[in-house]
Amino acid sequence: MKIQKTTVILMVSAVLLGGFVYLYEVQGSPKREQVKAQQQQLFRFKESDVEAMTLTTQKQKLKFERSTEKGSTWMLQVMEPTSSTCATQTPKQTDNKSAVCEAPSAGQVLTSSPAPAVNNNEKVPASDASVAYLLNLVTSAKFDRKITMADPLKQRQEYGLDGPLATVEMRLKNQQSHHLVLGKPDFNKSFLYAQIDPSADVSKALDVVLVPADFENAVDRPVSEWKKEESKPKSEEKPKDTKPTPKDKPTP
């Protein structure tokens, strides 16, 4: 039986279409997922590319630099600790010329202990684990979704970006710099609002992304947790309590 020309054309078209679907869905799907994952990455550099990092929070400003000393990967320098007496308040002069803090805003708790004295020129070994945890998040975390601000001046306050939780500035070995600004948590506290390499012009419409809430734990640490824990020499270790054996007891 002679096959009609139209049938042959339809069969060839079906084979070509099936091949296209196979290549697109099976072969192309992993590549599309990889491209999508790369597009959702916060930054494209690696953890090993970071030469120095400055972390500014509402409590302190810390600078980290890669160390050339043995036993420590990073060195820490405390730049600007925030006074616990007047954390974000402007001192107010009283009649007796002593400075006191004005009343705190709602939800703010102030203590009466003074800020600790810090030598800004002193560099100490940093906790490699704490620094690595933050850098690993920066280089591997992906944002959930992107929001374009229609009214930047108003929405910066809404997202907590006018007085951010923290700002992370990273200087790479190739001398490029990148910034990550962390704002408030979202409504269910699963993500933080953030900006990647924001412009200095705060009125410019910029994108806001949602990043993992793990960033809050990574940046909100006391200075003691950023410092490397010093190991005590054996001479300072407390001796174990030993009870005398019957042979050691003195005779009456």
Protein backbone atom coordinates (compact mmCIF):
# COMPACT_ATOMS: atom_id res chain seq x y z
CA MET A 1 0.00 0.00 0.00
CA LYS A 2 1.35 3.34 -0.97
CA ILE A 3 1.72 5.79 1.91
CA GLN A 4 0.32 9.20 1.16
CA LYS A 5 2.67 12.16 1.14
CA THR A 6 0.61 13.97 3.80
CA THR A 7 0.98 11.04 6.21
CA VAL A 8 4.75 11.02 5.78
CA ILE A 9 4.91 14.73 6.53
CA LEU A 10 2.83 14.28 9.67
CA MET A 11 5.03 11.41 10.88
CA VAL A 12 8.21 13.40 10.31
CA SER A 13 6.71 16.40 12.09
CA ALA A 14 5.71 14.24 15.07
CA VAL A 15 9.25 12.81 15.35
CA LEU A 16 10.81 16.28 15.17
CA LEU A 17 8.37 17.64 17.73
CA GLY A 18 9.02 14.71 20.07
CA GLY A 19 12.75 15.26 19.76
CA PHE A 20 12.37 18.96 20.54
CA VAL A 21 10.24 18.22 23.62
CA TYR A 22 12.77 15.65 24.81
CA LEU A 23 15.70 18.03 24.41
CA TYR A 24 13.84 20.91 26.07
CA GLU A 25 12.33 19.06 28.99
CA VAL A 26 14.88 16.35 29.74
CA GLN A 27 18.18 17.73 28.55
CA GLY A 28 17.49 21.44 29.06
CA SER A 29 15.76 21.29 32.45
CA PRO A 30 18.93 20.88 34.59
CA LYS A 31 20.59 23.78 32.78
CA ARG A 32 17.55 26.01 33.29
CA GLU A 33 17.46 25.12 36.99
CA GLN A 34 21.16 25.92 37.27
CA VAL A 35 20.72 29.29 35.57
CA LYS A 36 17.74 30.08 37.83
CA ALA A 37 19.72 29.16 40.93
CA GLN A 38 22.60 31.39 39.83
CA GLN A 39 20.21 34.27 39.21
CA GLN A 40 18.87 33.93 42.76
CA GLN A 41 22.31 33.90 44.38
CA LEU A 42 23.10 36.98 46.43
CA PHE A 43 26.65 37.20 45.10
CA ARG A 44 28.76 35.32 42.57
CA PHE A 45 32.10 35.32 44.39
CA LYS A 46 33.45 32.56 46.64
CA GLU A 47 34.21 32.63 50.35
CA SER A 48 37.93 32.35 49.62
CA ASP A 49 37.74 35.49 47.46
CA VAL A 50 36.99 37.73 50.44
CA GLU A 51 40.06 39.57 51.70
CA ALA A 52 38.42 41.79 54.34
CA MET A 53 34.97 42.37 55.79
CA THR A 54 33.36 45.14 57.84
CA LEU A 55 30.24 44.36 59.85
CA THR A 56 28.21 47.30 61.14
CA THR A 57 25.27 46.60 63.42
CA GLN A 58 23.14 48.74 65.72
CA LYS A 59 25.54 47.82 68.54
CA GLN A 60 29.03 47.83 67.07
CA LYS A 61 31.29 48.08 64.06
CA LEU A 62 33.78 45.27 63.52
CA LYS A 63 36.49 44.85 60.92
CA PHE A 64 37.87 41.48 59.86
CA GLU A 65 41.00 40.88 57.81
CA ARG A 66 42.62 37.67 56.67
CA SER A 67 45.49 36.75 58.92
CA THR A 68 49.01 35.66 58.04
CA GLU A 69 49.57 34.26 61.53
CA LYS A 70 49.48 30.55 62.19
CA GLY A 71 46.45 29.15 63.96
CA SER A 72 44.05 31.91 62.92
CA THR A 73 42.44 32.66 59.56
CA TRP A 74 40.98 36.04 60.52
CA MET A 75 41.96 38.99 62.69
CA LEU A 76 39.37 41.17 64.42
CA GLN A 77 39.46 44.89 65.09
CA VAL A 78 36.69 46.58 67.08
CA MET A 79 36.14 49.94 65.42
CA GLU A 80 33.09 51.55 67.04
CA PRO A 81 31.35 49.94 70.00
CA THR A 82 27.98 51.50 70.84
CA SER A 83 27.61 52.79 74.37
CA SER A 84 25.11 50.72 76.32
CA THR A 85 24.19 53.83 78.31
CA CYS A 86 23.03 55.92 75.39
CA ALA A 87 22.85 53.37 72.62
CA THR A 88 20.99 55.44 70.04
CA GLN A 89 20.02 58.45 72.16
CA THR A 90 21.41 61.99 72.08
CA PRO A 91 22.83 63.03 75.47
CA LYS A 92 20.82 65.79 77.10
CA GLN A 93 22.44 68.38 79.36
CA THR A 94 20.85 68.82 82.77
CA ASP A 95 21.08 71.78 85.11
CA ASN A 96 24.07 70.29 86.92
CA LYS A 97 25.86 69.94 83.57
CA SER A 98 25.81 66.15 83.64
CA ALA A 99 24.78 64.34 80.48
CA VAL A 100 21.88 61.95 80.69
CA CYS A 101 19.94 60.04 78.06
CA GLU A 102 16.55 61.14 76.88
CA ALA A 103 13.63 58.77 77.32
CA PRO A 104 13.96 55.69 75.10
CA SER A 105 11.51 54.99 72.34
CA ALA A 106 8.91 52.26 72.60
CA GLY A 107 10.44 48.83 72.90
CA GLN A 108 13.95 50.14 73.53
CA VAL A 109 15.76 48.99 76.67
CA LEU A 110 18.72 50.92 78.00
CA THR A 111 21.10 49.86 80.73
CA SER A 112 23.10 52.03 83.06
CA SER A 113 26.43 50.31 82.59
CA PRO A 114 29.02 52.37 80.67
CA ALA A 115 30.50 51.29 77.37
CA PRO A 116 33.66 49.21 77.70
CA ALA A 117 36.97 50.82 76.82
CA VAL A 118 38.28 49.52 73.52
CA ASN A 119 41.62 50.04 71.85
CA ASN A 120 40.66 50.64 68.23
CA ASN A 121 44.18 49.88 67.04
CA GLU A 122 44.32 46.48 68.67
CA LYS A 123 43.84 43.45 66.45
CA VAL A 124 43.05 40.10 68.00
CA PRO A 125 42.47 36.65 66.48
CA ALA A 126 38.86 36.23 65.39
CA SER A 127 36.65 33.20 65.77
CA ASP A 128 37.07 31.42 62.45
CA ALA A 129 33.79 29.57 62.98
CA SER A 130 31.73 32.75 63.46
CA VAL A 131 33.29 34.48 60.44
CA ALA A 132 32.97 31.37 58.27
CA TYR A 133 29.29 30.99 59.18
CA LEU A 134 28.51 34.53 58.02
CA LEU A 135 30.61 34.30 54.85
CA ASN A 136 29.10 30.94 53.96
CA LEU A 137 25.63 32.47 54.12
CA VAL A 138 26.72 35.46 52.04
CA THR A 139 28.25 33.32 49.30
CA SER A 140 25.80 30.41 49.22
CA ALA A 141 22.39 31.76 50.28
CA LYS A 142 19.71 32.48 47.70
CA PHE A 143 16.96 35.06 47.92
CA ASP A 144 13.35 33.94 47.92
CA ARG A 145 11.87 36.68 45.75
CA LYS A 146 12.50 40.22 44.58
CA ILE A 147 10.41 43.32 45.26
CA THR A 148 10.81 46.60 43.38
CA MET A 149 10.17 49.60 45.61
CA ALA A 150 7.62 51.99 44.12
CA ASP A 151 8.16 54.59 46.86
CA PRO A 152 11.76 54.11 48.08
CA LEU A 153 11.76 56.83 50.74
CA LYS A 154 8.67 55.38 52.42
CA GLN A 155 9.38 51.71 51.85
CA ARG A 156 12.96 51.88 53.14
CA GLN A 157 11.46 52.61 56.55
CA GLU A 158 8.80 49.94 56.11
CA TYR A 159 11.42 47.29 55.32
CA GLY A 160 13.79 48.45 58.07
CA LEU A 161 16.47 49.58 55.62
CA ASP A 162 16.72 53.16 56.89
CA GLY A 163 18.14 51.88 60.20
CA PRO A 164 19.25 48.39 59.17
CA LEU A 165 19.83 45.42 61.40
CA ALA A 166 23.31 45.13 59.89
CA THR A 167 25.43 46.14 56.92
CA VAL A 168 28.08 43.76 55.63
CA GLU A 169 30.80 45.23 53.44
CA MET A 170 33.18 42.82 51.73
CA ARG A 171 36.42 43.63 49.92
CA LEU A 172 37.59 40.96 47.51
CA LYS A 173 41.13 40.03 46.55
CA ASN A 174 40.56 41.73 43.18
CA GLN A 175 39.77 44.96 45.13
CA GLN A 176 36.08 44.90 44.24
CA SER A 177 33.64 45.76 47.02
CA HIS A 178 30.15 44.45 47.71
CA HIS A 179 27.52 45.42 50.26
CA LEU A 180 24.64 43.55 51.85
CA VAL A 181 22.12 45.57 53.89
CA LEU A 182 19.84 43.57 56.20
CA GLY A 183 16.51 45.02 57.32
CA LYS A 184 13.44 43.84 59.23
CA PRO A 185 11.98 40.32 59.20
CA ASP A 186 8.94 39.71 57.01
CA PHE A 187 5.46 39.14 58.47
CA ASN A 188 6.07 35.49 59.46
CA LYS A 189 9.76 36.02 60.37
CA SER A 190 10.94 33.42 57.86
CA PHE A 191 13.01 35.92 55.85
CA LEU A 192 14.72 39.28 56.21
CA TYR A 193 14.29 42.18 53.81
CA ALA A 194 17.65 43.03 52.27
CA GLN A 195 19.38 45.02 49.56
CA ILE A 196 22.33 43.88 47.47
CA ASP A 197 24.88 46.55 46.53
CA PRO A 198 22.42 49.44 47.03
CA SER A 199 22.94 52.82 45.43
CA ALA A 200 23.95 55.81 47.53
CA ASP A 201 20.86 57.60 46.21
CA VAL A 202 18.14 56.54 48.68
CA SER A 203 15.40 58.04 46.50
CA LYS A 204 16.23 55.75 43.58
CA ALA A 205 13.86 52.83 42.97
CA LEU A 206 15.77 49.74 44.02
CA ASP A 207 15.06 46.05 44.37
CA VAL A 208 14.53 44.50 47.79
CA VAL A 209 15.07 40.77 48.21
CA LEU A 210 14.04 38.31 50.91
CA VAL A 211 17.00 36.45 52.39
CA PRO A 212 17.05 33.59 54.95
CA ALA A 213 16.37 34.58 58.56
CA ASP A 214 19.61 32.76 59.50
CA PHE A 215 21.40 36.02 58.71
CA GLU A 216 20.06 37.52 61.94
CA ASN A 217 21.87 34.90 64.03
CA ALA A 218 24.98 35.28 61.89
CA VAL A 219 25.38 39.04 62.50
CA ASP A 220 23.81 39.56 65.93
CA ARG A 221 26.63 38.40 68.20
CA PRO A 222 28.47 40.02 71.10
CA VAL A 223 32.13 40.87 70.58
CA SER A 224 33.14 37.94 72.78
CA GLU A 225 31.68 35.49 70.24
CA TRP A 226 33.60 37.14 67.39
CA LYS A 227 36.90 36.70 69.24
CA LYS A 228 38.83 33.47 69.15
CA GLU A 229 38.54 31.56 72.39
CA GLU A 230 41.88 31.53 74.15
CA SER A 231 43.10 28.18 75.40
CA LYS A 232 44.28 28.23 78.99
CA PRO A 233 47.81 27.02 79.71
CA LYS A 234 48.07 23.81 81.65
CA SER A 235 49.52 25.63 84.65
CA GLU A 236 46.27 27.60 85.01
CA GLU A 237 43.99 24.59 84.77
CA LYS A 238 42.18 23.82 87.99
CA PRO A 239 43.49 20.59 89.52
CA LYS A 240 41.03 17.81 89.94
CA ASP A 241 39.74 17.11 93.42
CA THR A 242 41.31 13.92 94.73
CA LYS A 243 40.20 12.13 97.85
CA PRO A 244 42.92 10.49 99.94
CA THR A 245 43.04 6.77 99.84
CA PRO A 246 43.11 4.78 103.11
CA LYS A 247 46.87 4.47 102.73
CA ASP A 248 47.24 8.25 102.47
CA LYS A 249 45.30 8.97 105.68
CA PRO A 250 47.57 9.94 108.60
CA THR A 251 47.72 7.59 111.53
CA PRO A 252 46.46 8.93 114.87
